[in-house]
C-alpha atoms as a PDB file:
ATOM      1  CA  MET A   1     -48.580 -28.005  28.095  1.00  0.00           C
ATOM      2  CA  SER A   2     -48.414 -28.676  24.371  1.00  0.00           C
ATOM      3  CA  ILE A   3     -45.782 -27.082  22.139  1.00  0.00           C
ATOM      4  CA  SER A   4     -46.843 -25.902  18.707  1.00  0.00           C
ATOM      5  CA  ARG A   5     -45.060 -27.051  15.561  1.00  0.00           C
ATOM      6  CA  SER A   6     -44.155 -23.442  14.773  1.00  0.00           C
ATOM      7  CA  HIS A   7     -42.541 -23.121  18.197  1.00  0.00           C
ATOM      8  CA  LEU A   8     -40.464 -26.236  17.517  1.00  0.00           C
ATOM      9  CA  PHE A   9     -39.296 -24.829  14.185  1.00  0.00           C
ATOM     10  CA  ALA A  10     -38.424 -21.520  15.840  1.00  0.00           C
ATOM     11  CA  SER A  11     -36.428 -23.327  18.532  1.00  0.00           C
ATOM     12  CA  ALA A  12     -34.568 -25.376  15.950  1.00  0.00           C
ATOM     13  CA  ALA A  13     -33.785 -22.257  13.926  1.00  0.00           C
ATOM     14  CA  ALA A  14     -32.438 -20.563  17.017  1.00  0.00           C
ATOM     15  CA  LEU A  15     -30.072 -23.473  17.612  1.00  0.00           C
ATOM     16  CA  PHE A  16     -28.650 -23.090  14.122  1.00  0.00           C
ATOM     17  CA  LEU A  17     -28.395 -19.328  14.386  1.00  0.00           C
ATOM     18  CA  THR A  18     -26.679 -19.245  17.774  1.00  0.00           C
ATOM     19  CA  PRO A  19     -23.225 -20.373  16.550  1.00  0.00           C
ATOM     20  CA  THR A  20     -23.357 -17.738  13.781  1.00  0.00           C
ATOM     21  CA  LEU A  21     -23.992 -15.026  16.320  1.00  0.00           C
ATOM     22  CA  ALA A  22     -21.323 -16.357  18.666  1.00  0.00           C
ATOM     23  CA  PHE A  23     -18.738 -16.542  15.881  1.00  0.00           C
ATOM     24  CA  ALA A  24     -19.555 -13.145  14.373  1.00  0.00           C
ATOM     25  CA  ALA A  25     -16.583 -11.540  12.609  1.00  0.00           C
ATOM     26  CA  PRO A  26     -14.796  -8.672  14.345  1.00  0.00           C
ATOM     27  CA  GLN A  27     -15.506  -5.161  13.067  1.00  0.00           C
ATOM     28  CA  VAL A  28     -12.369  -4.306  11.107  1.00  0.00           C
ATOM     29  CA  VAL A  29     -11.493  -0.904   9.609  1.00  0.00           C
ATOM     30  CA  VAL A  30      -8.576  -0.384   7.210  1.00  0.00           C
ATOM     31  CA  SER A  31      -6.992   2.861   6.048  1.00  0.00           C
ATOM     32  CA  ILE A  32      -5.930   2.430   2.395  1.00  0.00           C
ATOM     33  CA  LYS A  33      -6.704   0.104  -0.493  1.00  0.00           C
ATOM     34  CA  PRO A  34      -3.452  -1.933  -0.658  1.00  0.00           C
ATOM     35  CA  VAL A  35      -3.673  -2.791   3.059  1.00  0.00           C
ATOM     36  CA  HIS A  36      -7.432  -3.353   2.789  1.00  0.00           C
ATOM     37  CA  SER A  37      -6.761  -5.890   0.038  1.00  0.00           C
ATOM     38  CA  LEU A  38      -4.416  -7.892   2.277  1.00  0.00           C
ATOM     39  CA  VAL A  39      -6.884  -7.771   5.184  1.00  0.00           C
ATOM     40  CA  ALA A  40      -9.809  -8.731   2.930  1.00  0.00           C
ATOM     41  CA  ALA A  41      -7.855 -11.708   1.573  1.00  0.00           C
ATOM     42  CA  LEU A  42      -7.121 -12.906   5.104  1.00  0.00           C
ATOM     43  CA  MET A  43     -10.752 -12.435   6.192  1.00  0.00           C
ATOM     44  CA  GLN A  44     -12.329 -14.342   3.299  1.00  0.00           C
ATOM     45  CA  GLY A  45     -14.949 -16.722   4.656  1.00  0.00           C
ATOM     46  CA  VAL A  46     -15.192 -14.757   7.916  1.00  0.00           C
ATOM     47  CA  GLY A  47     -16.188 -11.177   7.118  1.00  0.00           C
ATOM     48  CA  GLU A  48     -15.382  -8.040   5.145  1.00  0.00           C
ATOM     49  CA  PRO A  49     -13.288  -5.126   6.437  1.00  0.00           C
ATOM     50  CA  SER A  50     -14.352  -1.501   5.972  1.00  0.00           C
ATOM     51  CA  LEU A  51     -12.194   0.876   3.930  1.00  0.00           C
ATOM     52  CA  ILE A  52     -11.543   4.535   4.737  1.00  0.00           C
ATOM     53  CA  VAL A  53      -9.678   5.979   1.709  1.00  0.00           C
ATOM     54  CA  GLU A  54     -12.013   5.003  -1.109  1.00  0.00           C
ATOM     55  CA  GLY A  55     -11.962   5.466  -4.881  1.00  0.00           C
ATOM     56  CA  THR A  56      -9.076   7.403  -6.369  1.00  0.00           C
ATOM     57  CA  ALA A  57      -8.515   9.487  -3.229  1.00  0.00           C
ATOM     58  CA  SER A  58      -4.993   9.574  -1.816  1.00  0.00           C
ATOM     59  CA  ALA A  59      -3.936   9.055   1.791  1.00  0.00           C
ATOM     60  CA  HIS A  60      -1.612  12.043   1.375  1.00  0.00           C
ATOM     61  CA  THR A  61      -4.496  14.502   0.977  1.00  0.00           C
ATOM     62  CA  TYR A  62      -7.509  12.752   2.549  1.00  0.00           C
ATOM     63  CA  SER A  63     -10.060  14.180   5.009  1.00  0.00           C
ATOM     64  CA  LEU A  64     -12.035  11.857   7.280  1.00  0.00           C
ATOM     65  CA  LYS A  65     -15.792  11.581   6.613  1.00  0.00           C
ATOM     66  CA  PRO A  66     -18.453  11.274   9.365  1.00  0.00           C
ATOM     67  CA  SER A  67     -19.259   7.720   8.230  1.00  0.00           C
ATOM     68  CA  HIS A  68     -15.627   6.742   8.722  1.00  0.00           C
ATOM     69  CA  ALA A  69     -15.580   8.339  12.168  1.00  0.00           C
ATOM     70  CA  ARG A  70     -18.569   6.149  13.116  1.00  0.00           C
ATOM     71  CA  ALA A  71     -16.802   3.081  11.731  1.00  0.00           C
ATOM     72  CA  LEU A  72     -13.760   3.845  13.904  1.00  0.00           C
ATOM     73  CA  GLU A  73     -15.964   4.241  16.980  1.00  0.00           C
ATOM     74  CA  ASN A  74     -17.458   0.772  16.397  1.00  0.00           C
ATOM     75  CA  ALA A  75     -14.252  -0.973  15.349  1.00  0.00           C
ATOM     76  CA  ASP A  76     -12.664  -3.938  17.094  1.00  0.00           C
ATOM     77  CA  LEU A  77      -9.525  -3.751  14.937  1.00  0.00           C
ATOM     78  CA  VAL A  78      -8.012  -0.916  12.902  1.00  0.00           C
ATOM     79  CA  PHE A  79      -5.170  -1.468  10.434  1.00  0.00           C
ATOM     80  CA  TRP A  80      -3.105   1.406   9.044  1.00  0.00           C
ATOM     81  CA  VAL A  81       0.454   1.885   7.791  1.00  0.00           C
ATOM     82  CA  GLY A  82       1.321   4.643  10.267  1.00  0.00           C
ATOM     83  CA  PRO A  83       1.307   8.409  10.803  1.00  0.00           C
ATOM     84  CA  GLY A  84       4.083   8.906   8.268  1.00  0.00           C
ATOM     85  CA  LEU A  85       1.565   8.023   5.522  1.00  0.00           C
ATOM     86  CA  GLU A  86      -1.995   8.498   6.835  1.00  0.00           C
ATOM     87  CA  ALA A  87      -1.334  11.618   8.923  1.00  0.00           C
ATOM     88  CA  PHE A  88      -5.034  12.509   8.733  1.00  0.00           C
ATOM     89  CA  LEU A  89      -5.829   9.440  10.880  1.00  0.00           C
ATOM     90  CA  GLU A  90      -3.483  10.085  13.795  1.00  0.00           C
ATOM     91  CA  LYS A  91      -5.804  12.299  15.891  1.00  0.00           C
ATOM     92  CA  PRO A  92      -9.061  10.504  14.973  1.00  0.00           C
ATOM     93  CA  LEU A  93      -7.557   7.190  16.082  1.00  0.00           C
ATOM     94  CA  ASP A  94      -6.683   8.672  19.454  1.00  0.00           C
ATOM     95  CA  ALA A  95     -10.123  10.215  19.825  1.00  0.00           C
ATOM     96  CA  LEU A  96     -12.457   7.658  18.236  1.00  0.00           C
ATOM     97  CA  ALA A  97     -10.959   4.182  18.280  1.00  0.00           C
ATOM     98  CA  GLY A  98     -11.086   3.809  22.060  1.00  0.00           C
ATOM     99  CA  LYS A  99     -12.053   0.136  22.278  1.00  0.00           C
ATOM    100  CA  ALA A 100     -10.275  -0.945  19.116  1.00  0.00           C
ATOM    101  CA  THR A 101      -6.914  -2.650  18.796  1.00  0.00           C
ATOM    102  CA  VAL A 102      -4.980  -0.335  16.470  1.00  0.00           C
ATOM    103  CA  VAL A 103      -2.347  -2.133  14.405  1.00  0.00           C
ATOM    104  CA  GLU A 104       0.378   0.030  12.867  1.00  0.00           C
ATOM    105  CA  LEU A 105       1.848  -1.975  10.014  1.00  0.00           C
ATOM    106  CA  GLU A 106       5.187  -0.191   9.988  1.00  0.00           C
ATOM    107  CA  ASP A 107       5.774  -2.323  13.105  1.00  0.00           C
ATOM    108  CA  ALA A 108       5.471  -5.607  11.187  1.00  0.00           C
ATOM    109  CA  PRO A 109       8.349  -7.972  12.072  1.00  0.00           C
ATOM    110  CA  GLY A 110      10.707  -8.520   9.144  1.00  0.00           C
ATOM    111  CA  LEU A 111       9.619  -5.368   7.313  1.00  0.00           C
ATOM    112  CA  VAL A 112      12.357  -3.749   5.211  1.00  0.00           C
ATOM    113  CA  ARG A 113      12.355   0.023   5.597  1.00  0.00           C
ATOM    114  CA  LEU A 114      14.113   2.475   3.282  1.00  0.00           C
ATOM    115  CA  PRO A 115      15.068   6.024   4.290  1.00  0.00           C
ATOM    116  CA  PHE A 116      12.872   8.733   2.820  1.00  0.00           C
ATOM    117  CA  ARG A 117      14.676  10.545   0.010  1.00  0.00           C
ATOM    118  CA  GLU A 118      14.818  14.165   1.102  1.00  0.00           C
ATOM    119  CA  GLY A 119      15.436  17.210  -1.032  1.00  0.00           C
ATOM    120  CA  GLY A 120      15.663  17.274  -4.810  1.00  0.00           C
ATOM    121  CA  ALA A 121      14.124  14.299  -6.483  1.00  0.00           C
ATOM    122  CA  PHE A 122      17.050  13.857  -8.864  1.00  0.00           C
ATOM    123  CA  GLU A 123      19.911  14.959  -6.638  1.00  0.00           C
ATOM    124  CA  THR A 124      19.610  12.025  -4.233  1.00  0.00           C
ATOM    125  CA  HIS A 125      19.793   9.574  -7.113  1.00  0.00           C
ATOM    126  CA  GLU A 126      22.773  11.248  -8.760  1.00  0.00           C
ATOM    127  CA  ASP A 127      24.758  11.104  -5.547  1.00  0.00           C
ATOM    128  CA  GLU A 128      24.450   7.316  -5.454  1.00  0.00           C
ATOM    129  CA  ASP A 129      26.759   4.976  -7.324  1.00  0.00           C
ATOM    130  CA  GLU A 130      25.347   3.221 -10.383  1.00  0.00           C
ATOM    131  CA  ASP A 131      24.615  -0.132  -8.739  1.00  0.00           C
ATOM    132  CA  ALA A 132      22.813   1.390  -5.790  1.00  0.00           C
ATOM    133  CA  HIS A 133      20.986   3.780  -8.118  1.00  0.00           C
ATOM    134  CA  ALA A 134      19.603   0.857 -10.071  1.00  0.00           C
ATOM    135  CA  GLY A 135      18.636  -0.966  -6.915  1.00  0.00           C
ATOM    136  CA  GLY A 136      21.625  -3.298  -7.073  1.00  0.00           C
ATOM    137  CA  GLU A 137      22.461  -2.836  -3.406  1.00  0.00           C
ATOM    138  CA  ASP A 138      20.267  -2.908  -0.376  1.00  0.00           C
ATOM    139  CA  HIS A 139      22.634  -0.462   1.326  1.00  0.00           C
ATOM    140  CA  ALA A 140      19.743   1.588   2.696  1.00  0.00           C
ATOM    141  CA  THR A 141      17.576  -1.201   4.054  1.00  0.00           C
ATOM    142  CA  GLU A 142      16.840  -1.850   7.676  1.00  0.00           C
ATOM    143  CA  GLU A 143      15.169  -4.874   9.272  1.00  0.00           C
ATOM    144  CA  HIS A 144      13.214  -4.163  12.405  1.00  0.00           C
ATOM    145  CA  THR A 145      10.597  -5.647  14.661  1.00  0.00           C
ATOM    146  CA  ALA A 146       7.844  -4.234  16.814  1.00  0.00           C
ATOM    147  CA  ASP A 147      10.012  -4.605  19.927  1.00  0.00           C
ATOM    148  CA  GLU A 148      12.843  -2.429  18.654  1.00  0.00           C
ATOM    149  CA  HIS A 149      11.229   0.912  19.319  1.00  0.00           C
ATOM    150  CA  ASP A 150       8.447   2.665  21.160  1.00  0.00           C
ATOM    151  CA  HIS A 151       7.735   4.374  17.835  1.00  0.00           C
ATOM    152  CA  ALA A 152       7.358   7.846  19.203  1.00  0.00           C
ATOM    153  CA  HIS A 153       7.635   9.324  15.713  1.00  0.00           C
ATOM    154  CA  GLU A 154      10.045   6.555  14.720  1.00  0.00           C
ATOM    155  CA  HIS A 155       8.408   6.646  11.289  1.00  0.00           C
ATOM    156  CA  GLU A 156       9.978   9.996  10.487  1.00  0.00           C
ATOM    157  CA  GLY A 157      12.635   9.734   7.806  1.00  0.00           C
ATOM    158  CA  PHE A 158      11.346   6.458   6.336  1.00  0.00           C
ATOM    159  CA  ASP A 159       9.491   5.931   3.075  1.00  0.00           C
ATOM    160  CA  MET A 160       6.087   4.537   4.050  1.00  0.00           C
ATOM    161  CA  HIS A 161       5.094   2.896   0.727  1.00  0.00           C
ATOM    162  CA  PHE A 162       6.133  -0.497   2.117  1.00  0.00           C
ATOM    163  CA  TRP A 163       3.634  -2.586   0.137  1.00  0.00           C
ATOM    164  CA  LEU A 164       5.391  -1.886  -3.181  1.00  0.00           C
ATOM    165  CA  ASP A 165       7.872  -4.616  -2.254  1.00  0.00           C
ATOM    166  CA  PRO A 166       5.914  -7.906  -2.212  1.00  0.00           C
ATOM    167  CA  MET A 167       8.183  -9.280   0.495  1.00  0.00           C
ATOM    168  CA  ASN A 168       7.036  -6.409   2.684  1.00  0.00           C
ATOM    169  CA  ALA A 169       3.441  -7.226   1.759  1.00  0.00           C
ATOM    170  CA  LYS A 170       4.065 -10.761   3.039  1.00  0.00           C
ATOM    171  CA  ALA A 171       5.481  -9.403   6.304  1.00  0.00           C
ATOM    172  CA  MET A 172       2.480  -7.091   6.687  1.00  0.00           C
ATOM    173  CA  ALA A 173       0.052  -9.931   5.921  1.00  0.00           C
ATOM    174  CA  ALA A 174       1.664 -12.129   8.583  1.00  0.00           C
ATOM    175  CA  TYR A 175       1.323  -9.306  11.128  1.00  0.00           C
ATOM    176  CA  ILE A 176      -2.318  -8.755  10.124  1.00  0.00           C
ATOM    177  CA  GLU A 177      -3.011 -12.480  10.422  1.00  0.00           C
ATOM    178  CA  SER A 178      -1.536 -12.543  13.922  1.00  0.00           C
ATOM    179  CA  ALA A 179      -3.731  -9.613  15.003  1.00  0.00           C
ATOM    180  CA  LEU A 180      -6.860 -11.250  13.549  1.00  0.00           C
ATOM    181  CA  VAL A 181      -6.118 -14.571  15.296  1.00  0.00           C
ATOM    182  CA  THR A 182      -5.584 -12.791  18.614  1.00  0.00           C
ATOM    183  CA  ALA A 183      -8.795 -10.777  18.257  1.00  0.00           C
ATOM    184  CA  ASP A 184     -10.891 -13.656  16.901  1.00  0.00           C
ATOM    185  CA  PRO A 185      -9.426 -17.041  17.947  1.00  0.00           C
ATOM    186  CA  THR A 186     -12.634 -18.845  16.950  1.00  0.00           C
ATOM    187  CA  ASN A 187     -11.764 -18.260  13.285  1.00  0.00           C
ATOM    188  CA  ALA A 188      -8.019 -18.780  13.705  1.00  0.00           C
ATOM    189  CA  ASP A 189      -7.855 -21.771  11.363  1.00  0.00           C
ATOM    190  CA  ARG A 190      -9.519 -19.806   8.589  1.00  0.00           C
ATOM    191  CA  TYR A 191      -7.155 -16.861   8.984  1.00  0.00           C
ATOM    192  CA  LYS A 192      -4.137 -19.155   8.952  1.00  0.00           C
ATOM    193  CA  ALA A 193      -5.310 -21.034   5.845  1.00  0.00           C
ATOM    194  CA  ASN A 194      -5.982 -17.739   4.070  1.00  0.00           C
ATOM    195  CA  GLY A 195      -2.574 -16.464   5.164  1.00  0.00           C
ATOM    196  CA  LEU A 196      -0.814 -19.453   3.649  1.00  0.00           C
ATOM    197  CA  ALA A 197      -2.709 -19.055   0.360  1.00  0.00           C
ATOM    198  CA  LEU A 198      -1.950 -15.325   0.267  1.00  0.00           C
ATOM    199  CA  ALA A 199       1.786 -15.851   0.877  1.00  0.00           C
ATOM    200  CA  GLN A 200       1.914 -18.364  -1.978  1.00  0.00           C
ATOM    201  CA  GLU A 201       0.046 -15.986  -4.284  1.00  0.00           C
ATOM    202  CA  ILE A 202       2.467 -13.168  -3.484  1.00  0.00           C
ATOM    203  CA  ASP A 203       5.490 -15.398  -4.176  1.00  0.00           C
ATOM    204  CA  THR A 204       4.048 -16.292  -7.598  1.00  0.00           C
ATOM    205  CA  LEU A 205       3.306 -12.637  -8.294  1.00  0.00           C
ATOM    206  CA  ASP A 206       6.868 -11.646  -7.355  1.00  0.00           C
ATOM    207  CA  LYS A 207       8.418 -14.098  -9.828  1.00  0.00           C
ATOM    208  CA  GLU A 208       6.041 -12.934 -12.545  1.00  0.00           C
ATOM    209  CA  ILE A 209       6.997  -9.287 -12.085  1.00  0.00           C
ATOM    210  CA  PHE A 210      10.737 -10.048 -12.075  1.00  0.00           C
ATOM    211  CA  SER A 211      10.311 -11.805 -15.418  1.00  0.00           C
ATOM    212  CA  ALA A 212       8.153  -9.074 -16.946  1.00  0.00           C
ATOM    213  CA  LEU A 213      10.505  -6.227 -16.012  1.00  0.00           C
ATOM    214  CA  ALA A 214      13.804  -7.894 -16.895  1.00  0.00           C
ATOM    215  CA  PRO A 215      13.942  -6.624 -20.527  1.00  0.00           C
ATOM    216  CA  VAL A 216      13.286  -2.953 -19.604  1.00  0.00           C
ATOM    217  CA  LYS A 217      14.681  -2.504 -16.091  1.00  0.00           C
ATOM    218  CA  ASP A 218      17.740  -0.498 -17.210  1.00  0.00           C
ATOM    219  CA  LYS A 219      15.770   2.113 -19.174  1.00  0.00           C
ATOM    220  CA  PRO A 220      15.424   5.417 -17.233  1.00  0.00           C
ATOM    221  CA  SER A 221      12.027   6.842 -16.357  1.00  0.00           C
ATOM    222  CA  VAL A 222      10.653   9.687 -14.227  1.00  0.00           C
ATOM    223  CA  VAL A 223       7.691   9.316 -11.863  1.00  0.00           C
ATOM    224  CA  PHE A 224       5.221  11.859 -10.505  1.00  0.00           C
ATOM    225  CA  HIS A 225       6.172  11.508  -6.847  1.00  0.00           C
ATOM    226  CA  ASP A 226       8.844   9.601  -5.002  1.00  0.00           C
ATOM    227  CA  ALA A 227       6.691   6.607  -4.028  1.00  0.00           C
ATOM    228  CA  TYR A 228       8.389   3.738  -5.857  1.00  0.00           C
ATOM    229  CA  GLN A 229      11.608   3.199  -3.938  1.00  0.00           C
ATOM    230  CA  TYR A 230      10.565  -0.251  -2.685  1.00  0.00           C
ATOM    231  CA  PHE A 231       9.551  -1.318  -6.179  1.00  0.00           C
ATOM    232  CA  GLU A 232      12.904  -0.062  -7.512  1.00  0.00           C
ATOM    233  CA  ASN A 233      14.843  -1.824  -4.777  1.00  0.00           C
ATOM    234  CA  ARG A 234      13.088  -5.142  -5.336  1.00  0.00           C
ATOM    235  CA  TYR A 235      13.065  -5.273  -9.131  1.00  0.00           C
ATOM    236  CA  LYS A 236      16.196  -3.224  -9.952  1.00  0.00           C
ATOM    237  CA  VAL A 237      14.279  -0.875 -12.249  1.00  0.00           C
ATOM    238  CA  ARG A 238      15.849   2.475 -13.027  1.00  0.00           C
ATOM    239  CA  ILE A 239      13.705   5.395 -11.928  1.00  0.00           C
ATOM    240  CA  ALA A 240      15.859   8.439 -12.563  1.00  0.00           C
ATOM    241  CA  GLY A 241      13.866  10.868 -10.453  1.00  0.00           C
ATOM    242  CA  SER A 242      10.476  12.281  -9.538  1.00  0.00           C
ATOM    243  CA  ILE A 243       8.629  15.510 -10.216  1.00  0.00           C
ATOM    244  CA  THR A 244       7.870  15.991  -6.529  1.00  0.00           C
ATOM    245  CA  VAL A 245       8.974  14.263  -3.339  1.00  0.00           C
ATOM    246  CA  SER A 246       5.590  14.787  -1.655  1.00  0.00           C
ATOM    247  CA  PRO A 247       2.457  14.867  -3.840  1.00  0.00           C
ATOM    248  CA  GLU A 248       0.671  17.340  -1.576  1.00  0.00           C
ATOM    249  CA  THR A 249       3.397  19.910  -2.443  1.00  0.00           C
ATOM    250  CA  MET A 250       3.392  20.902  -6.092  1.00  0.00           C
ATOM    251  CA  PRO A 251       6.748  22.033  -7.550  1.00  0.00           C
ATOM    252  CA  GLY A 252       7.222  25.647  -8.578  1.00  0.00           C
ATOM    253  CA  ALA A 253       8.037  26.887 -12.073  1.00  0.00           C
ATOM    254  CA  GLU A 254      11.802  26.820 -11.462  1.00  0.00           C
ATOM    255  CA  ARG A 255      11.675  23.227 -10.275  1.00  0.00           C
ATOM    256  CA  VAL A 256       9.558  22.171 -13.256  1.00  0.00           C
ATOM    257  CA  ALA A 257      12.079  23.804 -15.603  1.00  0.00           C
ATOM    258  CA  GLU A 258      14.928  21.913 -13.888  1.00  0.00           C
ATOM    259  CA  ILE A 259      13.077  18.619 -14.278  1.00  0.00           C
ATOM    260  CA  HIS A 260      12.352  19.338 -17.938  1.00  0.00           C
ATOM    261  CA  ALA A 261      16.078  19.876 -18.523  1.00  0.00           C
ATOM    262  CA  LYS A 262      16.916  16.691 -16.632  1.00  0.00           C
ATOM    263  CA  VAL A 263      14.413  14.604 -18.620  1.00  0.00           C
ATOM    264  CA  LYS A 264      16.201  15.758 -21.762  1.00  0.00           C
ATOM    265  CA  GLU A 265      19.682  15.255 -20.342  1.00  0.00           C
ATOM    266  CA  LEU A 266      18.968  11.757 -19.005  1.00  0.00           C
ATOM    267  CA  GLN A 267      17.082  10.797 -22.160  1.00  0.00           C
ATOM    268  CA  ALA A 268      14.312   9.450 -19.966  1.00  0.00           C
ATOM    269  CA  VAL A 269      12.170   7.041 -21.953  1.00  0.00           C
ATOM    270  CA  CYS A 270       8.959   7.638 -19.966  1.00  0.00           C
ATOM    271  CA  VAL A 271       7.462  10.121 -17.505  1.00  0.00           C
ATOM    272  CA  PHE A 272       4.640   8.684 -15.405  1.00  0.00           C
ATOM    273  CA  ALA A 273       1.589  10.486 -14.023  1.00  0.00           C
ATOM    274  CA  GLU A 274      -0.694   9.191 -11.242  1.00  0.00           C
ATOM    275  CA  PRO A 275      -4.509   9.096 -11.400  1.00  0.00           C
ATOM    276  CA  GLN A 276      -4.899  10.863  -8.029  1.00  0.00           C
ATOM    277  CA  PHE A 277      -3.034  14.037  -9.021  1.00  0.00           C
ATOM    278  CA  GLU A 278      -2.952  16.772 -11.643  1.00  0.00           C
ATOM    279  CA  PRO A 279      -1.481  15.242 -14.848  1.00  0.00           C
ATOM    280  CA  LYS A 280      -0.779  18.513 -16.696  1.00  0.00           C
ATOM    281  CA  LEU A 281       2.715  18.693 -15.212  1.00  0.00           C
ATOM    282  CA  ILE A 282       3.637  15.566 -17.168  1.00  0.00           C
ATOM    283  CA  SER A 283       3.013  17.242 -20.519  1.00  0.00           C
ATOM    284  CA  VAL A 284       5.010  20.296 -19.369  1.00  0.00           C
ATOM    285  CA  VAL A 285       8.130  18.331 -18.391  1.00  0.00           C
ATOM    286  CA  THR A 286       8.023  16.105 -21.507  1.00  0.00           C
ATOM    287  CA  GLU A 287       7.425  18.890 -24.029  1.00  0.00           C
ATOM    288  CA  GLY A 288      10.203  18.984 -26.599  1.00  0.00           C
ATOM    289  CA  THR A 289      11.722  15.690 -25.397  1.00  0.00           C
ATOM    290  CA  ASP A 290      11.455  12.135 -26.683  1.00  0.00           C
ATOM    291  CA  ALA A 291       9.955  10.944 -23.382  1.00  0.00           C
ATOM    292  CA  LYS A 292       6.589   9.224 -23.551  1.00  0.00           C
ATOM    293  CA  ALA A 293       3.824   9.674 -20.986  1.00  0.00           C
ATOM    294  CA  GLY A 294       2.410   6.834 -18.910  1.00  0.00           C
ATOM    295  CA  THR A 295       0.462   6.327 -15.686  1.00  0.00           C
ATOM    296  CA  LEU A 296       1.372   4.467 -12.501  1.00  0.00           C
ATOM    297  CA  ASP A 297      -1.091   3.881  -9.667  1.00  0.00           C
ATOM    298  CA  PRO A 298       0.815   2.978  -6.461  1.00  0.00           C
ATOM    299  CA  GLU A 299      -2.286   2.918  -4.243  1.00  0.00           C
ATOM    300  CA  GLY A 300      -4.685   1.117  -6.582  1.00  0.00           C
ATOM    301  CA  GLY A 301      -6.988   4.141  -6.757  1.00  0.00           C
ATOM    302  CA  ALA A 302      -8.466   3.096 -10.086  1.00  0.00           C
ATOM    303  CA  LEU A 303      -9.089  -0.498  -8.934  1.00  0.00           C
ATOM    304  CA  GLU A 304     -12.050  -1.998  -7.123  1.00  0.00           C
ATOM    305  CA  ALA A 305     -11.329  -2.595  -3.449  1.00  0.00           C
ATOM    306  CA  GLY A 306     -11.097  -6.197  -2.299  1.00  0.00           C
ATOM    307  CA  PRO A 307      -8.821  -9.250  -2.089  1.00  0.00           C
ATOM    308  CA  ALA A 308      -7.848  -9.056  -5.766  1.00  0.00           C
ATOM    309  CA  LEU A 309      -6.665  -5.452  -5.612  1.00  0.00           C
ATOM    310  CA  TYR A 310      -3.109  -5.969  -4.326  1.00  0.00           C
ATOM    311  CA  PRO A 311      -1.962  -8.444  -7.017  1.00  0.00           C
ATOM    312  CA  ALA A 312      -3.740  -6.344  -9.670  1.00  0.00           C
ATOM    313  CA  LEU A 313      -2.019  -3.174  -8.409  1.00  0.00           C
ATOM    314  CA  MET A 314       1.427  -4.774  -8.624  1.00  0.00           C
ATOM    315  CA  ARG A 315       0.780  -6.342 -12.033  1.00  0.00           C
ATOM    316  CA  ASN A 316      -0.494  -2.999 -13.337  1.00  0.00           C
ATOM    317  CA  LEU A 317       2.692  -1.247 -12.223  1.00  0.00           C
ATOM    318  CA  ALA A 318       4.793  -3.830 -14.038  1.00  0.00           C
ATOM    319  CA  THR A 319       2.588  -3.696 -17.141  1.00  0.00           C
ATOM    320  CA  SER A 320       2.588   0.124 -17.301  1.00  0.00           C
ATOM    321  CA  LEU A 321       6.364   0.209 -17.004  1.00  0.00           C
ATOM    322  CA  THR A 322       7.012  -2.503 -19.578  1.00  0.00           C
ATOM    323  CA  GLU A 323       4.518  -1.133 -22.112  1.00  0.00           C
ATOM    324  CA  CYS A 324       5.845   2.423 -21.958  1.00  0.00           C
ATOM    325  CA  LEU A 325       9.544   1.562 -21.712  1.00  0.00           C
ATOM    326  CA  SER A 326       9.447  -0.953 -24.574  1.00  0.00           C
ATOM    327  CA  ARG A 327       7.724   1.339 -27.086  1.00  0.00           C
END
């Protein structure tokens, strides 16, 4: 029986397409933009992860959409920081991500964790000695690995904004890479090459930020919510306090008055808002003081999601601090 030329072409095309289908990228879902950026960088050349908390939304106040629920149902891998940050994801992950490998990045080996600063946003700082206050000591750090706990609510009491220390971002990236290699060994070489490039990029970024902040690191500033402890600890910048410990809980009038008095007393150079939350409080606490207003974006809400977001987020924090503090 003769074989038509079109049949031959179709057969040849199928041969070329088969490896692509066999090596298809895993379906990966990621909670927040900074983590998504690390995952996207590691998956370059393989596939693109899906993002849950999009735009300027915050993980602190987010509600899951139906499209995200479907993505979780179809996922092979899910990356999130942990229930201490993305509390809205805890139940959906149990209910929807049945076949997925769920990777909690607070379990990353080598991650440095800092205790959550409870109570008044200024009081905890004032109780510390000057060196520790400025980040001069790592007295509150803890190294841990995934094997050290069963993490039944182990996250409680720890600040979950790990990515704001680039060394933590490297630890998280290594953990993500390991999970990707395990789930998709066919593309292991690509993940490993991307991991090496990402680690080198983060090291360069870290040196750049140290240099940029050096002239202004001792000038006091106030932030909107207590999210910058890892950044403080790494770069020895002096953040004198925050307007609120948790952004989902707005301070009352008495608390705002106390902060206004403290901004004056400390001669804070800058008070920083965040794009995700109501900025009017900033003008209230700076009124009648010499403090200038600025904006910090710890989750990259104003940035486009993708591999470039994490270095841009960190550079923007450094730039916002240096520009405001050096005025």
